[in-house]
Each structure stands twice: as C-alpha cells, then as structure tokens.
Amino acid sequence: MKTLSCILLTVLFTVSANAQGWRLNTVSAQTGKTPLSDGIDISATVSDSSGNSMLLDFSPVQGEMLFFHSVIKNLSFGPTVGFFKNVAWIAPVASADFFDGHFTLLVWIGWSFGNPELGNTSPKLRFCFNYEQATVNVGSYDFYYALLGYQKFLPENIFGINKSFSLTDHFAAYGGVGYMEQAEEFLWSSGIKYSF
C-alpha cells in the first residue's frame, strides 16, 4: 500500500509541477540496495527555465523532496525534506559539476525530528545523516565514492559503478554494483528510466 501511495504522490507532484511552469524531465523505477535506498524506489525529476530542479523520491521506508536552486552555472544549492522510518528530517544539499558533467560532487547533511531507529518523534532536531559523493562519468559509466554518516554509527566508505543502457529514444535501463567497506556488504541496483 505504501508503494502505491508513493507512486500516486509522484504522479500528482509531477502533474502539479508541470502545470506551474516546471517541465517533467524523467520518471524512474528501480529495485535493489544502494547507499541511499533498499527495495523498490520510484522517482521523478522536474526543472524550470532558470535551471532550478526538483527530485521527488519514494520507497516503502523513506521519501524525500530535493530542491536544487542554480546559484551559478555549475553550482546548485537548496533545501530538502523527507521521512525515514516515519520520522521527518530536513537537510541542506549542494551539488557541483565540472568538465561538462564528467565530474560531480554532492554534499548533503540532515537533521531529524526524532530517532528513526527507535521510531520516536520529537520537536527537537538531532543529527541524522551526512552524505558526500564524488562521481566520475565516462560515457555510460559512473564511478563513484561516497562517505555516509548515520547518527552515531561509524562512517561508511562506499565504492561503486553504475552503467546505463539506451533502449529507445526515451527509455533507458541502468544497473550498478557497489561495496560498503565498514558493513562489508555488496550493493546492487537495476531500474528503468523514461526521459521526456
């Protein structure tokens, strides 16, 4: 039921954004275990003529909306909101790309209204996560390194590679593998994306 609700919210969000001068760019669905998701994941991206963009992303245990305001040509910054295990969080995010998108950086730090691991909520903010990622793009391959911090757990070093495959003018498939050093756990993902 949560997955169906997430799909409906994604559709409503994209239709509403499209009606207000935003352009729907992509809709995607994936499964697997990545640094930031586990299981079925549905997302959509929209942008406006000023270079601003939004991402709406839902899975059974988390949902998030990221807003990226284009500060200068290759640098974006914005607020993000979401929930994880039914606990709300807020987080600023910044991204930068260099060399025509062949090298990108993402910095994301969030605070939650409670403890997701205990399932309790609170009006007081507490540190929840930090996520920094550097990605090198070579053709249809993305090679990345990420540093993930979550509450008081030890920081996690993550290494991975993603590959995209063009199926038609609008449809693409993608997949990836990775490794979490601290957890000694392999990651994988596969999905499809429709570009408008």
C-alpha atoms as a PDB file:
ATOM      1  CA  MET A   1       0.000   0.000   0.000  1.00  0.00           C
ATOM      2  CA  LYS A   2       2.878   2.396   0.807  1.00  0.00           C
ATOM      3  CA  THR A   3       4.417   1.747  -2.621  1.00  0.00           C
ATOM      4  CA  LEU A   4       1.112   2.524  -4.376  1.00  0.00           C
ATOM      5  CA  SER A   5       0.782   5.714  -2.307  1.00  0.00           C
ATOM      6  CA  CYS A   6       4.315   6.723  -3.300  1.00  0.00           C
ATOM      7  CA  ILE A   7       3.555   6.162  -6.986  1.00  0.00           C
ATOM      8  CA  LEU A   8       0.380   8.260  -6.730  1.00  0.00           C
ATOM      9  CA  LEU A   9       2.204  11.066  -4.902  1.00  0.00           C
ATOM     10  CA  THR A  10       4.941  11.062  -7.546  1.00  0.00           C
ATOM     11  CA  VAL A  11       2.347  11.342 -10.343  1.00  0.00           C
ATOM     12  CA  LEU A  12       0.437  14.135  -8.531  1.00  0.00           C
ATOM     13  CA  PHE A  13       3.657  16.025  -7.852  1.00  0.00           C
ATOM     14  CA  THR A  14       4.826  15.901 -11.453  1.00  0.00           C
ATOM     15  CA  VAL A  15       1.428  16.898 -12.876  1.00  0.00           C
ATOM     16  CA  SER A  16       1.194  19.821 -10.422  1.00  0.00           C
ATOM     17  CA  ALA A  17       4.743  20.973 -11.159  1.00  0.00           C
ATOM     18  CA  ASN A  18       4.146  20.734 -14.914  1.00  0.00           C
ATOM     19  CA  ALA A  19       1.058  22.939 -14.582  1.00  0.00           C
ATOM     20  CA  GLN A  20       3.078  25.651 -12.789  1.00  0.00           C
ATOM     21  CA  GLY A  21       5.761  26.167 -15.449  1.00  0.00           C
ATOM     22  CA  TRP A  22       8.023  23.305 -14.451  1.00  0.00           C
ATOM     23  CA  ARG A  23       8.959  20.683 -17.025  1.00  0.00           C
ATOM     24  CA  LEU A  24       8.848  16.972 -16.265  1.00  0.00           C
ATOM     25  CA  ASN A  25      12.253  15.519 -17.180  1.00  0.00           C
ATOM     26  CA  THR A  26      12.354  11.895 -16.014  1.00  0.00           C
ATOM     27  CA  VAL A  27      10.369   9.209 -14.224  1.00  0.00           C
ATOM     28  CA  SER A  28      12.198   6.123 -12.995  1.00  0.00           C
ATOM     29  CA  ALA A  29      11.666   2.931 -11.026  1.00  0.00           C
ATOM     30  CA  GLN A  30      14.398   0.778  -9.548  1.00  0.00           C
ATOM     31  CA  THR A  31      14.990  -2.062  -7.157  1.00  0.00           C
ATOM     32  CA  GLY A  32      17.994  -3.244  -5.204  1.00  0.00           C
ATOM     33  CA  LYS A  33      20.177  -1.992  -2.380  1.00  0.00           C
ATOM     34  CA  THR A  34      22.117   1.248  -2.864  1.00  0.00           C
ATOM     35  CA  PRO A  35      23.800   3.620  -0.412  1.00  0.00           C
ATOM     36  CA  LEU A  36      20.502   5.542  -0.077  1.00  0.00           C
ATOM     37  CA  SER A  37      17.726   3.033  -0.836  1.00  0.00           C
ATOM     38  CA  ASP A  38      16.693  -0.549  -0.247  1.00  0.00           C
ATOM     39  CA  GLY A  39      13.924  -2.254  -2.229  1.00  0.00           C
ATOM     40  CA  ILE A  40      11.532  -0.646  -4.699  1.00  0.00           C
ATOM     41  CA  ASP A  41      12.161   3.033  -5.378  1.00  0.00           C
ATOM     42  CA  ILE A  42      10.092   5.418  -7.555  1.00  0.00           C
ATOM     43  CA  SER A  43      11.331   8.891  -8.517  1.00  0.00           C
ATOM     44  CA  ALA A  44      10.638  11.839 -10.799  1.00  0.00           C
ATOM     45  CA  THR A  45      12.623  14.970 -11.708  1.00  0.00           C
ATOM     46  CA  VAL A  46      11.349  18.337 -12.912  1.00  0.00           C
ATOM     47  CA  SER A  47      13.095  21.595 -13.834  1.00  0.00           C
ATOM     48  CA  ASP A  48      12.256  25.171 -14.787  1.00  0.00           C
ATOM     49  CA  SER A  49      13.725  27.565 -17.351  1.00  0.00           C
ATOM     50  CA  SER A  50      16.018  29.159 -14.717  1.00  0.00           C
ATOM     51  CA  GLY A  51      17.993  25.967 -14.165  1.00  0.00           C
ATOM     52  CA  ASN A  52      16.271  25.063 -10.886  1.00  0.00           C
ATOM     53  CA  SER A  53      15.298  21.421 -10.420  1.00  0.00           C
ATOM     54  CA  MET A  54      13.423  19.153  -8.020  1.00  0.00           C
ATOM     55  CA  LEU A  55      13.598  15.448  -7.296  1.00  0.00           C
ATOM     56  CA  LEU A  56      10.789  13.500  -5.642  1.00  0.00           C
ATOM     57  CA  ASP A  57      11.760  10.023  -4.494  1.00  0.00           C
ATOM     58  CA  PHE A  58       9.811   7.356  -2.587  1.00  0.00           C
ATOM     59  CA  SER A  59      10.409   3.854  -1.277  1.00  0.00           C
ATOM     60  CA  PRO A  60       8.453   1.835   1.309  1.00  0.00           C
ATOM     61  CA  VAL A  61      10.524   3.184   4.245  1.00  0.00           C
ATOM     62  CA  GLN A  62      11.550   6.652   3.078  1.00  0.00           C
ATOM     63  CA  GLY A  63      10.514   9.578   0.932  1.00  0.00           C
ATOM     64  CA  GLU A  64      12.208  12.827   0.029  1.00  0.00           C
ATOM     65  CA  MET A  65      11.914  16.006  -1.984  1.00  0.00           C
ATOM     66  CA  LEU A  66      15.130  17.750  -3.016  1.00  0.00           C
ATOM     67  CA  PHE A  67      15.090  21.276  -4.443  1.00  0.00           C
ATOM     68  CA  PHE A  68      18.190  22.490  -6.279  1.00  0.00           C
ATOM     69  CA  HIS A  69      18.454  26.243  -6.923  1.00  0.00           C
ATOM     70  CA  SER A  70      21.018  27.107  -9.573  1.00  0.00           C
ATOM     71  CA  VAL A  71      23.389  29.600  -7.895  1.00  0.00           C
ATOM     72  CA  ILE A  72      25.847  29.832 -10.776  1.00  0.00           C
ATOM     73  CA  LYS A  73      26.223  27.741 -13.914  1.00  0.00           C
ATOM     74  CA  ASN A  74      27.726  24.616 -12.309  1.00  0.00           C
ATOM     75  CA  LEU A  75      26.663  25.017  -8.667  1.00  0.00           C
ATOM     76  CA  SER A  76      23.268  24.322  -7.101  1.00  0.00           C
ATOM     77  CA  PHE A  77      22.105  24.582  -3.522  1.00  0.00           C
ATOM     78  CA  GLY A  78      18.793  24.015  -1.817  1.00  0.00           C
ATOM     79  CA  PRO A  79      16.628  22.602   0.932  1.00  0.00           C
ATOM     80  CA  THR A  80      15.442  19.019   1.165  1.00  0.00           C
ATOM     81  CA  VAL A  81      12.746  17.415   3.307  1.00  0.00           C
ATOM     82  CA  GLY A  82      11.703  13.840   3.824  1.00  0.00           C
ATOM     83  CA  PHE A  83      10.936  10.994   6.158  1.00  0.00           C
ATOM     84  CA  PHE A  84      12.807   7.836   7.118  1.00  0.00           C
ATOM     85  CA  LYS A  85      11.031   5.064   9.035  1.00  0.00           C
ATOM     86  CA  ASN A  86       8.158   7.523   9.682  1.00  0.00           C
ATOM     87  CA  VAL A  87      10.459  10.179  11.222  1.00  0.00           C
ATOM     88  CA  ALA A  88      10.701  13.531   9.402  1.00  0.00           C
ATOM     89  CA  TRP A  89      14.024  15.173   8.540  1.00  0.00           C
ATOM     90  CA  ILE A  90      15.332  18.365   6.920  1.00  0.00           C
ATOM     91  CA  ALA A  91      18.653  18.864   5.164  1.00  0.00           C
ATOM     92  CA  PRO A  92      20.500  21.390   3.010  1.00  0.00           C
ATOM     93  CA  VAL A  93      22.084  19.944  -0.134  1.00  0.00           C
ATOM     94  CA  ALA A  94      24.711  21.264  -2.546  1.00  0.00           C
ATOM     95  CA  SER A  95      25.875  19.882  -5.873  1.00  0.00           C
ATOM     96  CA  ALA A  96      28.512  20.942  -8.364  1.00  0.00           C
ATOM     97  CA  ASP A  97      29.562  19.601 -11.730  1.00  0.00           C
ATOM     98  CA  PHE A  98      32.761  20.151 -13.666  1.00  0.00           C
ATOM     99  CA  PHE A  99      34.123  19.286 -17.116  1.00  0.00           C
ATOM    100  CA  ASP A 100      30.689  19.203 -18.787  1.00  0.00           C
ATOM    101  CA  GLY A 101      29.273  16.863 -16.131  1.00  0.00           C
ATOM    102  CA  HIS A 102      32.140  14.356 -16.225  1.00  0.00           C
ATOM    103  CA  PHE A 103      32.937  15.065 -12.563  1.00  0.00           C
ATOM    104  CA  THR A 104      30.243  15.831  -9.966  1.00  0.00           C
ATOM    105  CA  LEU A 105      30.189  16.458  -6.231  1.00  0.00           C
ATOM    106  CA  LEU A 106      27.255  16.189  -3.814  1.00  0.00           C
ATOM    107  CA  VAL A 107      27.191  17.286  -0.158  1.00  0.00           C
ATOM    108  CA  TRP A 108      24.100  16.567   1.964  1.00  0.00           C
ATOM    109  CA  ILE A 109      23.681  16.918   5.754  1.00  0.00           C
ATOM    110  CA  GLY A 110      20.412  16.233   7.585  1.00  0.00           C
ATOM    111  CA  TRP A 111      18.754  16.506  10.985  1.00  0.00           C
ATOM    112  CA  SER A 112      15.721  14.507  12.072  1.00  0.00           C
ATOM    113  CA  PHE A 113      12.776  15.209  14.353  1.00  0.00           C
ATOM    114  CA  GLY A 114      13.368  12.115  16.473  1.00  0.00           C
ATOM    115  CA  ASN A 115      15.213   8.827  16.168  1.00  0.00           C
ATOM    116  CA  PRO A 116      14.302   6.703  13.109  1.00  0.00           C
ATOM    117  CA  GLU A 117      15.886   3.591  14.637  1.00  0.00           C
ATOM    118  CA  LEU A 118      13.644   3.822  17.714  1.00  0.00           C
ATOM    119  CA  GLY A 119      10.619   5.095  15.775  1.00  0.00           C
ATOM    120  CA  ASN A 120      10.089   8.036  18.130  1.00  0.00           C
ATOM    121  CA  THR A 121       9.455  11.631  17.104  1.00  0.00           C
ATOM    122  CA  SER A 122      10.418  14.880  18.798  1.00  0.00           C
ATOM    123  CA  PRO A 123      10.181  18.612  18.037  1.00  0.00           C
ATOM    124  CA  LYS A 124      13.915  18.848  18.821  1.00  0.00           C
ATOM    125  CA  LEU A 125      16.307  18.417  15.893  1.00  0.00           C
ATOM    126  CA  ARG A 126      19.144  15.889  16.145  1.00  0.00           C
ATOM    127  CA  PHE A 127      21.885  14.912  13.692  1.00  0.00           C
ATOM    128  CA  CYS A 128      20.609  12.173  11.371  1.00  0.00           C
ATOM    129  CA  PHE A 129      22.948  11.799   8.380  1.00  0.00           C
ATOM    130  CA  ASN A 130      25.650  13.192   6.171  1.00  0.00           C
ATOM    131  CA  TYR A 131      26.307  12.013   2.633  1.00  0.00           C
ATOM    132  CA  GLU A 132      29.108  13.191   0.367  1.00  0.00           C
ATOM    133  CA  GLN A 133      29.664  11.708  -3.077  1.00  0.00           C
ATOM    134  CA  ALA A 134      32.175  12.258  -5.877  1.00  0.00           C
ATOM    135  CA  THR A 135      31.298  10.779  -9.287  1.00  0.00           C
ATOM    136  CA  VAL A 136      33.359  10.430 -12.449  1.00  0.00           C
ATOM    137  CA  ASN A 137      31.348   9.917 -15.636  1.00  0.00           C
ATOM    138  CA  VAL A 138      32.937   8.141 -18.610  1.00  0.00           C
ATOM    139  CA  GLY A 139      30.417   7.591 -21.398  1.00  0.00           C
ATOM    140  CA  SER A 140      27.599   5.468 -19.998  1.00  0.00           C
ATOM    141  CA  TYR A 141      29.568   4.552 -16.846  1.00  0.00           C
ATOM    142  CA  ASP A 142      29.531   6.369 -13.489  1.00  0.00           C
ATOM    143  CA  PHE A 143      32.285   5.547 -10.995  1.00  0.00           C
ATOM    144  CA  TYR A 144      31.630   6.886  -7.502  1.00  0.00           C
ATOM    145  CA  TYR A 145      32.986   7.132  -3.985  1.00  0.00           C
ATOM    146  CA  ALA A 146      30.681   8.145  -1.125  1.00  0.00           C
ATOM    147  CA  LEU A 147      31.103   8.813   2.573  1.00  0.00           C
ATOM    148  CA  LEU A 148      27.961   8.101   4.614  1.00  0.00           C
ATOM    149  CA  GLY A 149      27.457   9.035   8.245  1.00  0.00           C
ATOM    150  CA  TYR A 150      24.303   7.990  10.090  1.00  0.00           C
ATOM    151  CA  GLN A 151      23.562   9.047  13.666  1.00  0.00           C
ATOM    152  CA  LYS A 152      26.339   7.725  15.961  1.00  0.00           C
ATOM    153  CA  PHE A 153      27.346   4.805  13.743  1.00  0.00           C
ATOM    154  CA  LEU A 154      30.869   4.663  12.330  1.00  0.00           C
ATOM    155  CA  PRO A 155      31.295   6.461   8.974  1.00  0.00           C
ATOM    156  CA  GLU A 156      30.846   4.230   5.916  1.00  0.00           C
ATOM    157  CA  ASN A 157      33.111   4.295   2.847  1.00  0.00           C
ATOM    158  CA  ILE A 158      31.227   3.259  -0.288  1.00  0.00           C
ATOM    159  CA  PHE A 159      32.648   2.484  -3.735  1.00  0.00           C
ATOM    160  CA  GLY A 160      30.577   1.701  -6.806  1.00  0.00           C
ATOM    161  CA  ILE A 161      29.928   1.749 -10.519  1.00  0.00           C
ATOM    162  CA  ASN A 162      26.715   2.345 -12.466  1.00  0.00           C
ATOM    163  CA  LYS A 163      26.038   1.679 -16.148  1.00  0.00           C
ATOM    164  CA  SER A 164      23.173   2.937 -18.302  1.00  0.00           C
ATOM    165  CA  PHE A 165      21.801   1.337 -21.470  1.00  0.00           C
ATOM    166  CA  SER A 166      19.731   3.244 -24.023  1.00  0.00           C
ATOM    167  CA  LEU A 167      16.722   1.158 -25.104  1.00  0.00           C
ATOM    168  CA  THR A 168      14.811   3.698 -27.217  1.00  0.00           C
ATOM    169  CA  ASP A 169      14.847   7.475 -27.696  1.00  0.00           C
ATOM    170  CA  HIS A 170      13.075   7.875 -24.338  1.00  0.00           C
ATOM    171  CA  PHE A 171      13.611   4.645 -22.398  1.00  0.00           C
ATOM    172  CA  ALA A 172      16.851   3.611 -20.691  1.00  0.00           C
ATOM    173  CA  ALA A 173      17.784   0.796 -18.351  1.00  0.00           C
ATOM    174  CA  TYR A 174      20.511   1.015 -15.748  1.00  0.00           C
ATOM    175  CA  GLY A 175      22.261  -1.118 -13.207  1.00  0.00           C
ATOM    176  CA  GLY A 176      25.043  -0.885 -10.716  1.00  0.00           C
ATOM    177  CA  VAL A 177      27.151  -2.614  -8.112  1.00  0.00           C
ATOM    178  CA  GLY A 178      28.972  -1.281  -5.089  1.00  0.00           C
ATOM    179  CA  TYR A 179      30.602  -2.144  -1.801  1.00  0.00           C
ATOM    180  CA  MET A 180      30.181  -0.751   1.734  1.00  0.00           C
ATOM    181  CA  GLU A 181      33.552  -1.120   3.464  1.00  0.00           C
ATOM    182  CA  GLN A 182      32.503  -0.856   7.142  1.00  0.00           C
ATOM    183  CA  ALA A 183      29.461  -3.136   6.772  1.00  0.00           C
ATOM    184  CA  GLU A 184      31.357  -5.474   4.408  1.00  0.00           C
ATOM    185  CA  GLU A 185      28.262  -5.555   2.241  1.00  0.00           C
ATOM    186  CA  PHE A 186      27.795  -5.604  -1.519  1.00  0.00           C
ATOM    187  CA  LEU A 187      25.289  -3.268  -3.157  1.00  0.00           C
ATOM    188  CA  TRP A 188      23.336  -3.702  -6.392  1.00  0.00           C
ATOM    189  CA  SER A 189      20.572  -1.935  -8.281  1.00  0.00           C
ATOM    190  CA  SER A 190      18.692  -2.124 -11.557  1.00  0.00           C
ATOM    191  CA  GLY A 191      15.967   0.034 -12.994  1.00  0.00           C
ATOM    192  CA  ILE A 192      14.316   1.759 -15.913  1.00  0.00           C
ATOM    193  CA  LYS A 193      14.016   5.461 -16.702  1.00  0.00           C
ATOM    194  CA  TYR A 194      11.750   7.375 -19.080  1.00  0.00           C
ATOM    195  CA  SER A 195      13.041  10.765 -20.259  1.00  0.00           C
ATOM    196  CA  PHE A 196      10.610  13.333 -21.665  1.00  0.00           C
END
